[in-house]
Amino acid sequence: MATALQFVRPPKEFARLAGIADEGTRIFRTEGNHAQMRMWFDALCEYIGPCVSPGGAAVYAKVSRAAVYKRMKAGGLTAFCFHIIGKTKTIFGKEKKLKEWPLVYIPVAECKAWGAELDERGARIEASRGTPEDEVALEEAEFDEDSPSPDFVHYDPKDKKRKDVKYMTGWKRIEEPQEETDSAQASLGGYAGSYFQKQREEANEKRRAEFRKKWHVILEARRNERKN
């Protein structure tokens, strides 16, 4: 028989950052600014291991992307989601939360295990030892749609009917505020701070040198005009 898929369980060191799973699923969801996203992703890599997007999961498991979404929605696949958030104000001065569609990562270990399970089921069917469950599993893996809807992933269920949250849909992005970048750099320590300062100084000096060179050419041309 096929081995039951072993889910990746967030260790306590990562559980706080992973957030809470959507009801009836294994879609762990959290939110924060750009610096917090980087911290979340570093911890994801350290405590969960290699992860891929839903498209990458389809490649590893050798299934359709629609099948990946269907399995996620049914609670059969673990996913970690991070929404980058910001804020804005309405014309009436009321504060509103901005929220991007999430970054979604699925553990490679689960994708490989799913693919191996399907291979095992397929081998049994070819050997005329398959069960109805084997056939259903393979049909679900081949399930496809022209435009599978991942809205259940894009939108946090907790935001349903909330008028104070505005989603940045499609390719729209929340810009990282300068103070957020400075804070993130400061958290890296003195060495990182001095490194970024040095980079800025070198860039400014390069621009000044290019400016001086350009004006030198212009002044030289004007002198030649006066001589003529």
Protein backbone atom coordinates (compact mmCIF):
# COMPACT_ATOMS: atom_id res chain seq x y z
CA MET A 1 0.00 0.00 0.00
CA ALA A 2 1.02 3.61 -0.54
CA THR A 3 2.63 5.24 2.45
CA ALA A 4 0.54 8.05 3.96
CA LEU A 5 2.01 11.46 3.25
CA GLN A 6 4.01 12.71 6.23
CA PHE A 7 3.30 16.40 6.75
CA VAL A 8 6.04 18.84 7.61
CA ARG A 9 5.30 20.20 11.08
CA PRO A 10 6.73 23.61 12.02
CA PRO A 11 9.10 23.22 15.00
CA LYS A 12 8.50 25.48 17.96
CA GLU A 13 11.39 27.72 16.86
CA PHE A 14 9.47 28.58 13.68
CA ALA A 15 5.87 28.17 14.85
CA ARG A 16 5.66 31.74 16.15
CA LEU A 17 6.75 33.15 12.79
CA ALA A 18 4.71 30.69 10.70
CA GLY A 19 1.37 32.03 11.88
CA ILE A 20 -1.94 30.20 12.22
CA ALA A 21 -3.27 27.75 9.63
CA ASP A 22 -6.48 28.63 7.78
CA GLU A 23 -9.38 26.56 9.10
CA GLY A 24 -9.56 23.09 7.55
CA THR A 25 -6.21 23.46 5.77
CA ARG A 26 -2.45 23.38 6.34
CA ILE A 27 -1.99 26.87 4.90
CA PHE A 28 -0.02 28.73 7.58
CA ARG A 29 -0.45 32.46 7.15
CA THR A 30 1.24 35.52 8.60
CA GLU A 31 1.98 39.13 7.64
CA GLY A 32 4.40 41.98 8.24
CA ASN A 33 6.70 44.49 6.57
CA HIS A 34 9.55 43.80 4.16
CA ALA A 35 12.16 43.35 6.90
CA GLN A 36 9.92 40.90 8.76
CA MET A 37 9.36 38.99 5.52
CA ARG A 38 13.11 38.51 5.10
CA MET A 39 13.36 37.27 8.70
CA TRP A 40 10.42 34.90 8.07
CA PHE A 41 11.99 33.51 4.89
CA ASP A 42 15.38 32.96 6.52
CA ALA A 43 13.68 31.03 9.34
CA LEU A 44 11.61 29.06 6.81
CA CYS A 45 14.78 27.93 5.05
CA GLU A 46 16.48 27.06 8.34
CA TYR A 47 13.68 25.15 10.06
CA ILE A 48 11.55 23.77 7.20
CA GLY A 49 14.14 23.25 4.48
CA PRO A 50 13.83 23.65 0.71
CA CYS A 51 10.47 25.02 -0.43
CA VAL A 52 8.95 25.92 -3.80
CA SER A 53 6.03 27.89 -5.20
CA PRO A 54 2.80 26.09 -6.21
CA GLY A 55 4.15 25.95 -9.77
CA GLY A 56 7.36 24.35 -8.52
CA ALA A 57 5.33 21.91 -6.41
CA ALA A 58 3.52 20.77 -9.56
CA VAL A 59 6.88 20.02 -11.20
CA TYR A 60 8.24 18.06 -8.23
CA ALA A 61 5.06 16.01 -7.72
CA LYS A 62 4.51 15.61 -11.50
CA VAL A 63 0.93 16.86 -11.27
CA SER A 64 -1.04 19.81 -12.63
CA ARG A 65 -0.94 23.21 -10.93
CA ALA A 66 -4.72 22.97 -10.48
CA ALA A 67 -4.17 19.69 -8.61
CA VAL A 68 -1.74 21.46 -6.26
CA TYR A 69 -4.32 24.16 -5.45
CA LYS A 70 -7.04 21.54 -4.98
CA ARG A 71 -4.87 19.55 -2.56
CA MET A 72 -3.89 22.69 -0.63
CA LYS A 73 -7.54 23.71 -0.28
CA ALA A 74 -8.47 20.22 0.95
CA GLY A 75 -5.77 20.29 3.64
CA GLY A 76 -3.58 17.71 1.95
CA LEU A 77 -0.50 19.88 1.41
CA THR A 78 1.37 22.24 3.73
CA ALA A 79 1.96 25.81 2.57
CA PHE A 80 3.53 28.82 4.26
CA CYS A 81 2.22 32.24 3.24
CA PHE A 82 3.49 35.72 4.00
CA HIS A 83 1.52 38.89 3.19
CA ILE A 84 3.57 42.10 3.00
CA ILE A 85 1.48 44.90 4.48
CA GLY A 86 1.54 48.68 4.54
CA LYS A 87 -0.93 51.45 5.22
CA THR A 88 -2.60 54.36 3.52
CA LYS A 89 -5.29 56.93 4.29
CA THR A 90 -8.65 57.47 2.68
CA ILE A 91 -9.76 60.90 1.43
CA PHE A 92 -11.52 61.27 4.79
CA GLY A 93 -8.26 60.71 6.69
CA LYS A 94 -9.14 57.22 7.90
CA GLU A 95 -6.25 54.75 8.05
CA LYS A 96 -6.50 51.66 5.86
CA LYS A 97 -4.28 48.56 5.76
CA LEU A 98 -2.69 47.66 2.43
CA LYS A 99 -2.01 43.98 1.88
CA GLU A 100 -0.25 42.17 -0.96
CA TRP A 101 -1.14 38.75 -2.26
CA PRO A 102 1.09 36.37 -0.30
CA LEU A 103 4.40 34.77 -1.08
CA VAL A 104 3.58 31.04 -1.02
CA TYR A 105 6.07 28.27 -0.30
CA ILE A 106 5.44 24.52 -0.17
CA PRO A 107 7.99 22.09 1.35
CA VAL A 108 9.82 20.11 -1.34
CA ALA A 109 9.78 17.05 0.93
CA GLU A 110 5.98 16.87 0.73
CA CYS A 111 6.01 17.37 -3.05
CA LYS A 112 8.48 14.53 -3.53
CA ALA A 113 6.51 12.27 -1.19
CA TRP A 114 3.30 12.99 -3.12
CA GLY A 115 5.04 12.21 -6.41
CA ALA A 116 6.46 8.95 -5.02
CA GLU A 117 3.03 7.93 -3.75
CA LEU A 118 1.51 8.53 -7.21
CA ASP A 119 4.29 6.49 -8.86
CA GLU A 120 3.55 3.62 -6.48
CA ARG A 121 -0.18 3.80 -7.20
CA GLY A 122 0.46 3.94 -10.95
CA ALA A 123 2.72 0.88 -10.79
CA ARG A 124 -0.02 -1.10 -9.00
CA ILE A 125 -2.59 -0.16 -11.62
CA GLU A 126 -0.23 -1.21 -14.43
CA ALA A 127 0.28 -4.53 -12.67
CA SER A 128 -3.52 -4.98 -12.42
CA ARG A 129 -3.32 -4.72 -8.63
CA GLY A 130 -4.75 -1.23 -8.36
CA THR A 131 -7.59 -0.21 -6.07
CA PRO A 132 -10.39 2.32 -6.61
CA GLU A 133 -8.48 4.63 -4.25
CA ASP A 134 -5.43 4.42 -6.53
CA GLU A 135 -7.52 5.44 -9.53
CA VAL A 136 -9.09 8.36 -7.67
CA ALA A 137 -5.67 9.59 -6.51
CA LEU A 138 -4.29 9.55 -10.06
CA GLU A 139 -7.38 11.28 -11.43
CA GLU A 140 -7.02 14.05 -8.84
CA ALA A 141 -3.34 14.47 -9.75
CA GLU A 142 -4.29 14.92 -13.40
CA PHE A 143 -7.15 17.28 -12.53
CA ASP A 144 -6.75 20.42 -14.60
CA GLU A 145 -8.44 23.73 -15.35
CA ASP A 146 -7.65 26.35 -17.95
CA SER A 147 -7.54 29.02 -15.24
CA PRO A 148 -7.38 27.49 -11.76
CA SER A 149 -8.47 30.03 -9.15
CA PRO A 150 -6.02 30.49 -6.27
CA ASP A 151 -8.20 33.14 -4.57
CA PHE A 152 -8.42 31.01 -1.42
CA VAL A 153 -4.63 31.47 -1.17
CA HIS A 154 -4.48 35.12 -2.23
CA TYR A 155 -7.00 36.37 0.32
CA ASP A 156 -6.69 35.87 4.07
CA PRO A 157 -9.98 34.41 5.39
CA LYS A 158 -9.63 36.64 8.46
CA ASP A 159 -10.06 39.71 6.21
CA LYS A 160 -13.44 38.64 4.90
CA LYS A 161 -15.91 41.56 5.06
CA ARG A 162 -13.25 43.86 6.52
CA LYS A 163 -13.55 47.29 4.93
CA ASP A 164 -10.33 48.59 6.49
CA VAL A 165 -8.15 46.22 4.40
CA LYS A 166 -7.30 46.85 0.75
CA TYR A 167 -5.55 44.13 -1.28
CA MET A 168 -2.85 45.05 -3.79
CA THR A 169 -3.90 42.66 -6.54
CA GLY A 170 -1.97 41.34 -9.51
CA TRP A 171 1.48 42.87 -9.93
CA LYS A 172 0.85 45.85 -7.63
CA ARG A 173 3.40 46.10 -4.84
CA ILE A 174 3.88 47.99 -1.58
CA GLU A 175 7.07 50.04 -1.68
CA GLU A 176 9.54 49.51 1.15
CA PRO A 177 9.81 52.72 3.22
CA GLN A 178 13.34 54.07 3.67
CA GLU A 179 13.12 53.89 7.47
CA GLU A 180 12.23 50.20 7.15
CA THR A 181 15.35 49.59 5.04
CA ASP A 182 17.54 51.55 7.45
CA SER A 183 16.14 49.60 10.40
CA ALA A 184 16.79 46.29 8.67
CA GLN A 185 20.36 47.32 7.88
CA ALA A 186 20.95 48.46 11.45
CA SER A 187 19.83 45.07 12.74
CA LEU A 188 22.66 43.49 10.74
CA GLY A 189 25.23 45.16 12.95
CA GLY A 190 27.96 47.77 12.58
CA TYR A 191 29.82 46.00 9.80
CA ALA A 192 26.75 45.86 7.56
CA GLY A 193 25.92 49.49 8.34
CA SER A 194 29.41 50.66 7.40
CA TYR A 195 29.32 48.51 4.27
CA PHE A 196 26.09 50.10 2.99
CA GLN A 197 27.36 53.58 3.88
CA LYS A 198 30.56 52.91 1.94
CA GLN A 199 28.53 51.71 -1.06
CA ARG A 200 26.48 54.92 -1.03
CA GLU A 201 29.58 57.10 -0.73
CA GLU A 202 31.26 55.30 -3.65
CA ALA A 203 28.14 55.71 -5.78
CA ASN A 204 27.94 59.43 -4.96
CA GLU A 205 31.61 59.93 -5.75
CA LYS A 206 31.15 58.15 -9.09
CA ARG A 207 28.25 60.45 -9.98
CA ARG A 208 30.29 63.52 -9.03
CA ALA A 209 33.21 62.32 -11.18
CA GLU A 210 30.90 61.77 -14.16
CA PHE A 211 29.40 65.23 -13.64
CA ARG A 212 32.87 66.87 -13.54
CA LYS A 213 33.90 64.98 -16.68
CA LYS A 214 30.77 66.09 -18.54
CA TRP A 215 31.27 69.74 -17.59
CA HIS A 216 34.93 69.57 -18.53
CA VAL A 217 33.90 68.55 -22.07
CA ILE A 218 31.31 71.35 -22.22
CA LEU A 219 33.75 74.02 -21.00
CA GLU A 220 36.42 72.83 -23.43
CA ALA A 221 33.95 73.08 -26.31
CA ARG A 222 33.02 76.65 -25.27
CA ARG A 223 36.68 77.70 -25.14
CA ASN A 224 37.22 76.35 -28.65
CA GLU A 225 34.16 78.27 -29.87
CA ARG A 226 35.54 81.54 -28.44
CA LYS A 227 38.92 80.92 -30.09
CA ASN A 228 37.22 80.43 -33.44
